[in-house]
C-alpha atoms as a PDB file:
ATOM      1  CA  MET A   1      20.943  18.443 -20.281  1.00  0.00           C
ATOM      2  CA  THR A   2      23.142  21.546 -20.007  1.00  0.00           C
ATOM      3  CA  GLU A   3      20.939  23.855 -21.545  1.00  0.00           C
ATOM      4  CA  LYS A   4      19.169  23.139 -18.638  1.00  0.00           C
ATOM      5  CA  SER A   5      19.646  24.245 -15.080  1.00  0.00           C
ATOM      6  CA  SER A   6      20.162  22.291 -12.173  1.00  0.00           C
ATOM      7  CA  THR A   7      16.504  23.481 -10.691  1.00  0.00           C
ATOM      8  CA  GLU A   8      14.760  22.721 -14.315  1.00  0.00           C
ATOM      9  CA  LEU A   9      15.679  19.206 -14.334  1.00  0.00           C
ATOM     10  CA  THR A  10      14.705  19.061 -10.624  1.00  0.00           C
ATOM     11  CA  GLU A  11      12.276  20.038 -11.991  1.00  0.00           C
ATOM     12  CA  GLU A  12      11.363  17.153 -14.434  1.00  0.00           C
ATOM     13  CA  ILE A  13      12.944  14.315 -12.291  1.00  0.00           C
ATOM     14  CA  LYS A  14       9.779  14.900  -9.252  1.00  0.00           C
ATOM     15  CA  ALA A  15       7.529  14.799 -12.624  1.00  0.00           C
ATOM     16  CA  ARG A  16       8.268  11.888 -13.596  1.00  0.00           C
ATOM     17  CA  VAL A  17       9.168  10.198 -10.218  1.00  0.00           C
ATOM     18  CA  ARG A  18       5.086  11.386  -9.522  1.00  0.00           C
ATOM     19  CA  ARG A  19       4.060   9.918 -12.934  1.00  0.00           C
ATOM     20  CA  ASN A  20       5.873   6.903 -12.552  1.00  0.00           C
ATOM     21  CA  LEU A  21       4.853   6.137  -8.866  1.00  0.00           C
ATOM     22  CA  GLU A  22       1.496   6.835  -9.731  1.00  0.00           C
ATOM     23  CA  GLU A  23       1.116   4.112 -12.580  1.00  0.00           C
ATOM     24  CA  ILE A  24       2.217   1.763 -10.260  1.00  0.00           C
ATOM     25  CA  PHE A  25       0.271   2.180  -7.388  1.00  0.00           C
ATOM     26  CA  THR A  26      -2.285   2.034  -9.794  1.00  0.00           C
ATOM     27  CA  ALA A  27      -1.260  -1.439 -11.022  1.00  0.00           C
ATOM     28  CA  VAL A  28      -0.795  -2.487  -7.563  1.00  0.00           C
ATOM     29  CA  VAL A  29      -4.387  -0.954  -6.050  1.00  0.00           C
ATOM     30  CA  GLY A  30      -6.041  -3.138  -4.013  1.00  0.00           C
ATOM     31  CA  LYS A  31      -3.951  -6.388  -4.209  1.00  0.00           C
ATOM     32  CA  ASN A  32      -2.336  -5.872  -0.301  1.00  0.00           C
ATOM     33  CA  VAL A  33       0.920  -5.204  -2.435  1.00  0.00           C
ATOM     34  CA  THR A  34       3.725  -2.754  -0.744  1.00  0.00           C
ATOM     35  CA  VAL A  35       5.753  -0.974  -3.120  1.00  0.00           C
ATOM     36  CA  MET A  36       9.574  -0.878  -2.094  1.00  0.00           C
ATOM     37  CA  ALA A  37      11.723   1.671  -4.418  1.00  0.00           C
ATOM     38  CA  ALA A  38      14.901   0.889  -4.962  1.00  0.00           C
ATOM     39  CA  THR A  39      17.210   3.762  -4.776  1.00  0.00           C
ATOM     40  CA  LYS A  40      20.361   3.405  -5.794  1.00  0.00           C
ATOM     41  CA  THR A  41      22.212   5.693  -6.867  1.00  0.00           C
ATOM     42  CA  VAL A  42      19.201   8.490  -6.089  1.00  0.00           C
ATOM     43  CA  PRO A  43      19.721  11.686  -4.865  1.00  0.00           C
ATOM     44  CA  ALA A  44      18.535  11.990  -1.783  1.00  0.00           C
ATOM     45  CA  GLU A  45      16.245  15.093  -2.267  1.00  0.00           C
ATOM     46  CA  VAL A  46      14.799  13.307  -4.731  1.00  0.00           C
ATOM     47  CA  ILE A  47      14.298  10.279  -2.741  1.00  0.00           C
ATOM     48  CA  ASN A  48      12.616  12.822  -0.239  1.00  0.00           C
ATOM     49  CA  TYR A  49       9.797  14.677  -2.844  1.00  0.00           C
ATOM     50  CA  ALA A  50       8.973  10.787  -3.869  1.00  0.00           C
ATOM     51  CA  THR A  51       8.484   9.542  -0.426  1.00  0.00           C
ATOM     52  CA  GLN A  52       7.054  12.796   1.424  1.00  0.00           C
ATOM     53  CA  GLU A  53       5.067  14.146  -1.739  1.00  0.00           C
ATOM     54  CA  CYS A  54       4.446  10.936  -3.801  1.00  0.00           C
ATOM     55  CA  GLY A  55       3.267   8.622  -1.412  1.00  0.00           C
ATOM     56  CA  LEU A  56       6.034   6.540  -1.134  1.00  0.00           C
ATOM     57  CA  HIS A  57       6.672   5.095   2.630  1.00  0.00           C
ATOM     58  CA  ASN A  58       9.151   2.118   1.733  1.00  0.00           C
ATOM     59  CA  ILE A  59      12.462   2.358  -0.036  1.00  0.00           C
ATOM     60  CA  GLY A  60      15.549  -0.107  -0.460  1.00  0.00           C
ATOM     61  CA  GLU A  61      19.575   0.537  -0.427  1.00  0.00           C
ATOM     62  CA  ASN A  62      21.609  -2.277  -1.813  1.00  0.00           C
ATOM     63  CA  ARG A  63      24.958  -1.137  -0.806  1.00  0.00           C
ATOM     64  CA  VAL A  64      25.672  -0.062   3.579  1.00  0.00           C
ATOM     65  CA  GLN A  65      28.225   2.807   2.407  1.00  0.00           C
ATOM     66  CA  GLU A  66      25.388   4.711  -0.193  1.00  0.00           C
ATOM     67  CA  PHE A  67      22.889   3.593   2.453  1.00  0.00           C
ATOM     68  CA  LEU A  68      24.850   5.394   5.633  1.00  0.00           C
ATOM     69  CA  SER A  69      26.281   8.479   3.413  1.00  0.00           C
ATOM     70  CA  LYS A  70      22.274   9.483   2.564  1.00  0.00           C
ATOM     71  CA  PHE A  71      20.644   8.082   6.226  1.00  0.00           C
ATOM     72  CA  ASP A  72      21.243  11.437   7.728  1.00  0.00           C
ATOM     73  CA  ALA A  73      20.127  13.635   4.619  1.00  0.00           C
ATOM     74  CA  LEU A  74      16.481  11.797   4.220  1.00  0.00           C
ATOM     75  CA  ASP A  75      13.226  12.739   5.788  1.00  0.00           C
ATOM     76  CA  LYS A  76      12.708   9.421   7.357  1.00  0.00           C
ATOM     77  CA  THR A  77       8.695  10.798   8.680  1.00  0.00           C
ATOM     78  CA  GLY A  78       6.735   7.837   7.936  1.00  0.00           C
ATOM     79  CA  VAL A  79       9.003   5.881   5.868  1.00  0.00           C
ATOM     80  CA  ASN A  80      10.493   2.568   5.940  1.00  0.00           C
ATOM     81  CA  MET A  81      13.564   1.929   5.085  1.00  0.00           C
ATOM     82  CA  HIS A  82      15.344  -1.290   3.598  1.00  0.00           C
ATOM     83  CA  PHE A  83      18.589  -2.726   3.101  1.00  0.00           C
ATOM     84  CA  ILE A  84      17.972  -5.359   0.009  1.00  0.00           C
ATOM     85  CA  GLY A  85      21.964  -5.538  -1.177  1.00  0.00           C
ATOM     86  CA  THR A  86      24.368  -8.266  -0.581  1.00  0.00           C
ATOM     87  CA  LEU A  87      25.554  -7.712   2.786  1.00  0.00           C
ATOM     88  CA  GLN A  88      29.328  -8.621   4.333  1.00  0.00           C
ATOM     89  CA  PRO A  89      29.322 -10.235   7.733  1.00  0.00           C
ATOM     90  CA  ASN A  90      30.871  -7.151   8.809  1.00  0.00           C
ATOM     91  CA  LYS A  91      28.998  -4.327   7.631  1.00  0.00           C
ATOM     92  CA  VAL A  92      25.887  -5.280   9.611  1.00  0.00           C
ATOM     93  CA  LYS A  93      26.976  -3.559  12.461  1.00  0.00           C
ATOM     94  CA  TYR A  94      26.635  -0.655  10.629  1.00  0.00           C
ATOM     95  CA  ILE A  95      22.268  -0.841   9.795  1.00  0.00           C
ATOM     96  CA  ILE A  96      21.636  -2.535  12.819  1.00  0.00           C
ATOM     97  CA  GLY A  97      18.295  -0.707  14.412  1.00  0.00           C
ATOM     98  CA  LYS A  98      18.430   1.289  11.596  1.00  0.00           C
ATOM     99  CA  VAL A  99      16.352  -0.516   8.641  1.00  0.00           C
ATOM    100  CA  CYS A 100      13.140  -2.523   9.517  1.00  0.00           C
ATOM    101  CA  LEU A 101      14.035  -5.264   6.970  1.00  0.00           C
ATOM    102  CA  ILE A 102      16.984  -7.189   5.706  1.00  0.00           C
ATOM    103  CA  HIS A 103      15.919  -8.788   2.201  1.00  0.00           C
ATOM    104  CA  SER A 104      19.548 -10.911   1.573  1.00  0.00           C
ATOM    105  CA  LEU A 105      20.476 -13.216   4.035  1.00  0.00           C
ATOM    106  CA  ASP A 106      21.884 -16.002   2.494  1.00  0.00           C
ATOM    107  CA  SER A 107      24.442 -17.677   5.648  1.00  0.00           C
ATOM    108  CA  MET A 108      24.586 -18.837   8.630  1.00  0.00           C
ATOM    109  CA  LYS A 109      27.703 -16.425   9.840  1.00  0.00           C
ATOM    110  CA  LEU A 110      25.257 -13.315   8.518  1.00  0.00           C
ATOM    111  CA  ALA A 111      21.943 -14.682   9.805  1.00  0.00           C
ATOM    112  CA  GLU A 112      24.944 -14.811  13.705  1.00  0.00           C
ATOM    113  CA  GLU A 113      26.176 -11.456  12.585  1.00  0.00           C
ATOM    114  CA  ILE A 114      22.756  -9.626  12.435  1.00  0.00           C
ATOM    115  CA  SER A 115      21.580 -12.261  15.616  1.00  0.00           C
ATOM    116  CA  LYS A 116      24.822 -10.823  18.049  1.00  0.00           C
ATOM    117  CA  ARG A 117      23.837  -7.306  16.622  1.00  0.00           C
ATOM    118  CA  SER A 118      20.093  -7.151  16.841  1.00  0.00           C
ATOM    119  CA  ALA A 119      20.392  -8.510  21.074  1.00  0.00           C
ATOM    120  CA  SER A 120      23.569  -6.092  21.444  1.00  0.00           C
ATOM    121  CA  ALA A 121      21.422  -3.450  20.899  1.00  0.00           C
ATOM    122  CA  GLY A 122      18.385  -4.960  22.241  1.00  0.00           C
ATOM    123  CA  THR A 123      16.341  -4.987  19.296  1.00  0.00           C
ATOM    124  CA  ILE A 124      14.750  -8.158  17.248  1.00  0.00           C
ATOM    125  CA  THR A 125      15.620  -7.533  12.689  1.00  0.00           C
ATOM    126  CA  ASP A 126      13.035  -8.654  10.775  1.00  0.00           C
ATOM    127  CA  VAL A 127      14.778 -10.642   7.744  1.00  0.00           C
ATOM    128  CA  LEU A 128      13.820 -12.226   5.061  1.00  0.00           C
ATOM    129  CA  CYS A 129      16.181 -15.086   2.916  1.00  0.00           C
ATOM    130  CA  GLU A 130      17.628 -14.161  -0.383  1.00  0.00           C
ATOM    131  CA  VAL A 131      16.684 -18.045  -2.342  1.00  0.00           C
ATOM    132  CA  ASN A 132      18.869 -18.016  -5.793  1.00  0.00           C
ATOM    133  CA  ILE A 133      15.904 -18.928  -7.341  1.00  0.00           C
ATOM    134  CA  GLY A 134      17.825 -19.715 -10.642  1.00  0.00           C
ATOM    135  CA  ASN A 135      20.880 -22.034  -8.791  1.00  0.00           C
ATOM    136  CA  GLU A 136      23.431 -19.239 -10.844  1.00  0.00           C
ATOM    137  CA  PRO A 137      26.863 -19.672  -9.861  1.00  0.00           C
ATOM    138  CA  ALA A 138      27.229 -15.966  -9.582  1.00  0.00           C
ATOM    139  CA  LYS A 139      23.984 -14.741  -8.019  1.00  0.00           C
ATOM    140  CA  SER A 140      24.461 -14.795  -3.750  1.00  0.00           C
ATOM    141  CA  GLY A 141      20.944 -16.428  -1.994  1.00  0.00           C
ATOM    142  CA  VAL A 142      20.317 -19.737  -0.375  1.00  0.00           C
ATOM    143  CA  PRO A 143      19.543 -22.476  -2.890  1.00  0.00           C
ATOM    144  CA  GLU A 144      16.114 -23.463  -3.149  1.00  0.00           C
ATOM    145  CA  GLU A 145      16.604 -27.159  -1.930  1.00  0.00           C
ATOM    146  CA  THR A 146      18.057 -26.366   0.866  1.00  0.00           C
ATOM    147  CA  ALA A 147      16.079 -23.131   1.636  1.00  0.00           C
ATOM    148  CA  GLU A 148      13.777 -24.556   4.392  1.00  0.00           C
ATOM    149  CA  SER A 149      16.188 -25.918   6.791  1.00  0.00           C
ATOM    150  CA  PHE A 150      18.408 -23.230   6.189  1.00  0.00           C
ATOM    151  CA  ILE A 151      15.068 -21.120   7.602  1.00  0.00           C
ATOM    152  CA  GLU A 152      14.326 -23.978  10.500  1.00  0.00           C
ATOM    153  CA  SER A 153      18.160 -23.290  11.446  1.00  0.00           C
ATOM    154  CA  ILE A 154      18.552 -19.388  11.641  1.00  0.00           C
ATOM    155  CA  SER A 155      14.797 -19.715  13.482  1.00  0.00           C
ATOM    156  CA  SER A 156      15.946 -19.900  16.886  1.00  0.00           C
ATOM    157  CA  LEU A 157      19.146 -17.036  16.951  1.00  0.00           C
ATOM    158  CA  PRO A 158      17.666 -14.468  18.895  1.00  0.00           C
ATOM    159  CA  GLY A 159      17.364 -11.367  17.645  1.00  0.00           C
ATOM    160  CA  ILE A 160      16.563 -12.089  14.244  1.00  0.00           C
ATOM    161  CA  ASN A 161      12.886 -12.504  12.911  1.00  0.00           C
ATOM    162  CA  PRO A 162      12.398 -14.505   9.451  1.00  0.00           C
ATOM    163  CA  ARG A 163       9.351 -12.562   7.740  1.00  0.00           C
ATOM    164  CA  GLY A 164      10.255 -14.504   4.148  1.00  0.00           C
ATOM    165  CA  ILE A 165      12.028 -14.848   1.298  1.00  0.00           C
ATOM    166  CA  MET A 166      13.567 -12.353  -1.678  1.00  0.00           C
ATOM    167  CA  VAL A 167      14.575 -13.152  -4.523  1.00  0.00           C
ATOM    168  CA  ILE A 168      15.517 -12.206  -7.760  1.00  0.00           C
ATOM    169  CA  GLY A 169      16.246 -14.419 -10.653  1.00  0.00           C
ATOM    170  CA  PRO A 170      18.281 -14.960 -13.269  1.00  0.00           C
ATOM    171  CA  HIS A 171      17.429 -12.268 -16.094  1.00  0.00           C
ATOM    172  CA  CYS A 172      15.306 -13.205 -18.485  1.00  0.00           C
ATOM    173  CA  GLY A 173      15.064 -11.146 -21.840  1.00  0.00           C
ATOM    174  CA  ASP A 174      11.404 -11.206 -22.026  1.00  0.00           C
ATOM    175  CA  PRO A 175       9.340 -10.685 -18.841  1.00  0.00           C
ATOM    176  CA  GLU A 176       7.190 -14.057 -19.631  1.00  0.00           C
ATOM    177  CA  ASP A 177      10.050 -16.277 -19.710  1.00  0.00           C
ATOM    178  CA  TYR A 178      10.198 -15.145 -15.471  1.00  0.00           C
ATOM    179  CA  ARG A 179       7.205 -17.327 -15.206  1.00  0.00           C
ATOM    180  CA  PRO A 180       8.926 -20.573 -13.913  1.00  0.00           C
ATOM    181  CA  PHE A 181      11.114 -18.992 -11.465  1.00  0.00           C
ATOM    182  CA  PHE A 182       8.496 -17.174  -9.853  1.00  0.00           C
ATOM    183  CA  GLY A 183       6.120 -20.204 -10.347  1.00  0.00           C
ATOM    184  CA  ARG A 184       9.094 -22.192  -8.397  1.00  0.00           C
ATOM    185  CA  THR A 185       9.235 -19.556  -5.935  1.00  0.00           C
ATOM    186  CA  ARG A 186       5.888 -19.007  -5.076  1.00  0.00           C
ATOM    187  CA  ALA A 187       5.145 -22.878  -4.395  1.00  0.00           C
ATOM    188  CA  LEU A 188       8.488 -22.292  -2.014  1.00  0.00           C
ATOM    189  CA  TYR A 189       7.030 -19.233  -0.086  1.00  0.00           C
ATOM    190  CA  THR A 190       3.702 -21.301   0.166  1.00  0.00           C
ATOM    191  CA  ARG A 191       4.533 -24.016   1.594  1.00  0.00           C
ATOM    192  CA  LEU A 192       7.677 -22.542   4.404  1.00  0.00           C
ATOM    193  CA  SER A 193       4.677 -20.176   5.179  1.00  0.00           C
ATOM    194  CA  ASP A 194       2.069 -23.112   6.080  1.00  0.00           C
ATOM    195  CA  ARG A 195       4.690 -24.377   8.068  1.00  0.00           C
ATOM    196  CA  GLY A 196       4.671 -21.002  10.006  1.00  0.00           C
ATOM    197  CA  LEU A 197       7.951 -20.892   9.570  1.00  0.00           C
ATOM    198  CA  PHE A 198       7.573 -16.618   9.016  1.00  0.00           C
ATOM    199  CA  GLY A 199       4.978 -15.450  11.401  1.00  0.00           C
ATOM    200  CA  SER A 200       1.525 -14.065  11.191  1.00  0.00           C
ATOM    201  CA  ASP A 201       2.352 -11.429   8.378  1.00  0.00           C
ATOM    202  CA  PRO A 202       4.599 -12.997   5.887  1.00  0.00           C
ATOM    203  CA  ILE A 203       6.454 -11.503   3.053  1.00  0.00           C
ATOM    204  CA  LEU A 204       7.345 -12.673  -0.233  1.00  0.00           C
ATOM    205  CA  SER A 205      10.079  -9.722  -1.882  1.00  0.00           C
ATOM    206  CA  MET A 206      10.179 -10.909  -5.259  1.00  0.00           C
ATOM    207  CA  GLY A 207       9.581  -8.528  -9.151  1.00  0.00           C
ATOM    208  CA  MET A 208      11.615  -6.016 -10.044  1.00  0.00           C
ATOM    209  CA  SER A 209      10.968  -2.397 -12.396  1.00  0.00           C
ATOM    210  CA  ASP A 210      10.690  -5.266 -15.850  1.00  0.00           C
ATOM    211  CA  ASN A 211       8.319  -7.360 -14.337  1.00  0.00           C
ATOM    212  CA  TYR A 212       7.050  -6.617 -10.824  1.00  0.00           C
ATOM    213  CA  ARG A 213       3.296  -7.174 -12.416  1.00  0.00           C
ATOM    214  CA  LEU A 214       4.488 -10.798 -13.495  1.00  0.00           C
ATOM    215  CA  ALA A 215       5.350 -10.743 -10.327  1.00  0.00           C
ATOM    216  CA  VAL A 216       1.719 -10.062  -8.397  1.00  0.00           C
ATOM    217  CA  GLU A 217       0.418 -11.797 -10.735  1.00  0.00           C
ATOM    218  CA  TYR A 218       2.658 -14.660  -8.616  1.00  0.00           C
ATOM    219  CA  GLY A 219       1.569 -13.789  -5.280  1.00  0.00           C
ATOM    220  CA  ALA A 220       3.967 -10.838  -4.439  1.00  0.00           C
ATOM    221  CA  ASN A 221       3.184  -8.963  -1.724  1.00  0.00           C
ATOM    222  CA  LEU A 222       6.565  -7.032  -1.839  1.00  0.00           C
ATOM    223  CA  ILE A 223       7.569  -5.149  -5.533  1.00  0.00           C
ATOM    224  CA  ARG A 224      11.174  -3.702  -5.386  1.00  0.00           C
ATOM    225  CA  PRO A 225      10.971  -1.265  -8.692  1.00  0.00           C
ATOM    226  CA  GLY A 226      13.663   1.194  -8.986  1.00  0.00           C
ATOM    227  CA  THR A 227      14.388   2.222 -12.861  1.00  0.00           C
ATOM    228  CA  ALA A 228      11.132   2.269 -13.087  1.00  0.00           C
ATOM    229  CA  VAL A 229      10.388   5.169 -10.730  1.00  0.00           C
ATOM    230  CA  PHE A 230      13.202   6.801 -10.951  1.00  0.00           C
ATOM    231  CA  GLY A 231      14.221   6.208 -14.297  1.00  0.00           C
ATOM    232  CA  ARG A 232      17.491   5.296 -15.463  1.00  0.00           C
ATOM    233  CA  ARG A 233      20.791   6.065 -13.768  1.00  0.00           C
ATOM    234  CA  GLY A 234      24.051   6.788 -14.900  1.00  0.00           C
END
């Protein structure tokens, strides 16, 4: 790596990004699936290449500090910016009006803060309820059994618009092992969507680099590949 100039290395990375995105776009063609690339630790230059040259229109950041540090350097022409990581209520004010969708709503305290900040800014913020589908103590997310009542509760808040659910799921060595979790998520999503809790264009955000194809099989209409787009980051 040290033998290559930074320009050569950048061109190598760009070639990989283009190839990887073409593969992902081909895998979901005709399936009405939004490809949102997770861009944690990815330099703005590489993100801009992906969005302005390779047909990527949706990107997501995990951390507010990194989101803000990149924001001005990103070419946002034709780009929808998402927030997909754990969000502390005291950081909400920094991203309201800058993101099209918050994927990680998991508490009433956070919902109330999003509502308050959105109302103050004169905007409505689209959100997804993060569901802890594997009931993992170390992970954030609303328990599966209380997701319906939680979404009902936040639906009455001003400035906030529930659009669907997001899941990460337990880490599985074999992608096939995600099937039971994706199946339960699909059932929950279908039940809540059929009740009209997510409006006319509901979102199921499910599937990352190692399992996005399987997630699409189970009805995901928004996938979040990161490594599959940009390669492994240090």
